[in-house]
């Protein structure tokens, strides 16, 4: 997704009805996200690692 995609979605959806509720959209405040987290605890490090490449489409993992 790019900003152009988000702008197009906002323009098309802003003011639309969703189950009789009017949808309002606006931009949030920009937040700087560092490329690397400041600190990752060792117990979390193994939980956030992606699975090894499976060779299947979208890296699907067989059971």
C-alpha atoms as a PDB file:
ATOM      1  CA  UNK A   1       0.000   0.000   0.000  1.00  0.00           C
ATOM      2  CA  UNK A   2       1.255   3.443  -0.839  1.00  0.00           C
ATOM      3  CA  UNK A   3       0.158   6.940   0.085  1.00  0.00           C
ATOM      4  CA  UNK A   4      -1.497   7.236  -3.320  1.00  0.00           C
ATOM      5  CA  UNK A   5      -3.596   4.134  -2.540  1.00  0.00           C
ATOM      6  CA  UNK A   6      -4.520   5.547   0.865  1.00  0.00           C
ATOM      7  CA  UNK A   7      -5.504   8.901  -0.645  1.00  0.00           C
ATOM      8  CA  UNK A   8      -7.716   7.162  -3.197  1.00  0.00           C
ATOM      9  CA  UNK A   9      -9.376   5.036  -0.502  1.00  0.00           C
ATOM     10  CA  UNK A  10      -9.972   8.090   1.687  1.00  0.00           C
ATOM     11  CA  UNK A  11     -11.521  10.021  -1.189  1.00  0.00           C
ATOM     12  CA  UNK A  12     -13.833   7.151  -2.115  1.00  0.00           C
ATOM     13  CA  UNK A  13     -14.861   6.157   1.423  1.00  0.00           C
ATOM     14  CA  UNK A  14     -15.054   9.507   3.215  1.00  0.00           C
ATOM     15  CA  UNK A  15     -18.707  10.345   3.851  1.00  0.00           C
ATOM     16  CA  UNK A  16     -19.977   6.914   2.803  1.00  0.00           C
ATOM     17  CA  UNK A  17     -22.545   4.992   4.866  1.00  0.00           C
ATOM     18  CA  UNK A  18     -21.685   1.826   6.778  1.00  0.00           C
ATOM     19  CA  UNK A  19     -24.737   0.256   8.450  1.00  0.00           C
ATOM     20  CA  UNK A  20     -26.426   3.691   8.671  1.00  0.00           C
ATOM     21  CA  UNK A  21     -23.271   5.251  10.185  1.00  0.00           C
ATOM     22  CA  UNK A  22     -21.491   7.989   8.264  1.00  0.00           C
ATOM     23  CA  UNK A  23     -17.783   7.226   7.772  1.00  0.00           C
ATOM     24  CA  UNK A  24     -15.375  10.128   8.374  1.00  0.00           C
ATOM     25  CA  UNK A  25     -11.704   9.800   7.522  1.00  0.00           C
ATOM     26  CA  UNK A  26      -8.689  12.009   8.068  1.00  0.00           C
ATOM     27  CA  UNK A  27      -4.931  11.687   8.289  1.00  0.00           C
ATOM     28  CA  UNK A  28      -3.329  10.822  11.591  1.00  0.00           C
ATOM     29  CA  UNK A  29      -0.233  12.476  12.948  1.00  0.00           C
ATOM     30  CA  UNK A  30       3.032  11.295  11.396  1.00  0.00           C
ATOM     31  CA  UNK A  31       5.163   9.233  13.765  1.00  0.00           C
ATOM     32  CA  UNK A  32       8.819   8.407  13.215  1.00  0.00           C
ATOM     33  CA  UNK A  33       9.447   4.673  13.444  1.00  0.00           C
ATOM     34  CA  UNK A  34      13.109   3.708  13.845  1.00  0.00           C
ATOM     35  CA  UNK A  35      14.388   1.021  11.451  1.00  0.00           C
ATOM     36  CA  UNK A  36      15.502  -1.119  14.396  1.00  0.00           C
ATOM     37  CA  UNK A  37      13.783  -1.275  17.790  1.00  0.00           C
ATOM     38  CA  UNK A  38      15.832   0.191  20.609  1.00  0.00           C
ATOM     39  CA  UNK A  39      15.779  -3.059  22.581  1.00  0.00           C
ATOM     40  CA  UNK A  40      14.237  -6.479  21.974  1.00  0.00           C
ATOM     41  CA  UNK A  41      14.188  -8.810  24.993  1.00  0.00           C
ATOM     42  CA  UNK A  42      15.700 -12.235  24.203  1.00  0.00           C
ATOM     43  CA  UNK A  43      12.385 -13.993  24.919  1.00  0.00           C
ATOM     44  CA  UNK A  44      10.622 -11.769  22.372  1.00  0.00           C
ATOM     45  CA  UNK A  45      13.369 -12.110  19.764  1.00  0.00           C
ATOM     46  CA  UNK A  46      12.510 -15.728  18.959  1.00  0.00           C
ATOM     47  CA  UNK A  47       8.776 -14.944  18.862  1.00  0.00           C
ATOM     48  CA  UNK A  48       9.102 -12.209  16.230  1.00  0.00           C
ATOM     49  CA  UNK A  49      11.453 -14.064  13.891  1.00  0.00           C
ATOM     50  CA  UNK A  50       9.744 -15.140  10.652  1.00  0.00           C
ATOM     51  CA  UNK A  51       9.622 -18.844   9.846  1.00  0.00           C
ATOM     52  CA  UNK A  52      12.363 -20.203   7.579  1.00  0.00           C
ATOM     53  CA  UNK A  53      11.645 -20.106   3.818  1.00  0.00           C
ATOM     54  CA  UNK A  54       9.408 -23.018   2.835  1.00  0.00           C
ATOM     55  CA  UNK A  55       9.641 -22.672  -0.945  1.00  0.00           C
ATOM     56  CA  UNK A  56       5.821 -22.487  -1.112  1.00  0.00           C
ATOM     57  CA  UNK A  57       3.892 -19.446  -2.406  1.00  0.00           C
ATOM     58  CA  UNK A  58       3.752 -16.607   0.136  1.00  0.00           C
ATOM     59  CA  UNK A  59       6.091 -18.720   2.315  1.00  0.00           C
ATOM     60  CA  UNK A  60       3.137 -20.878   3.386  1.00  0.00           C
ATOM     61  CA  UNK A  61       4.046 -23.214   6.219  1.00  0.00           C
ATOM     62  CA  UNK A  62       2.942 -26.857   5.950  1.00  0.00           C
ATOM     63  CA  UNK A  63       1.533 -28.356   9.146  1.00  0.00           C
END
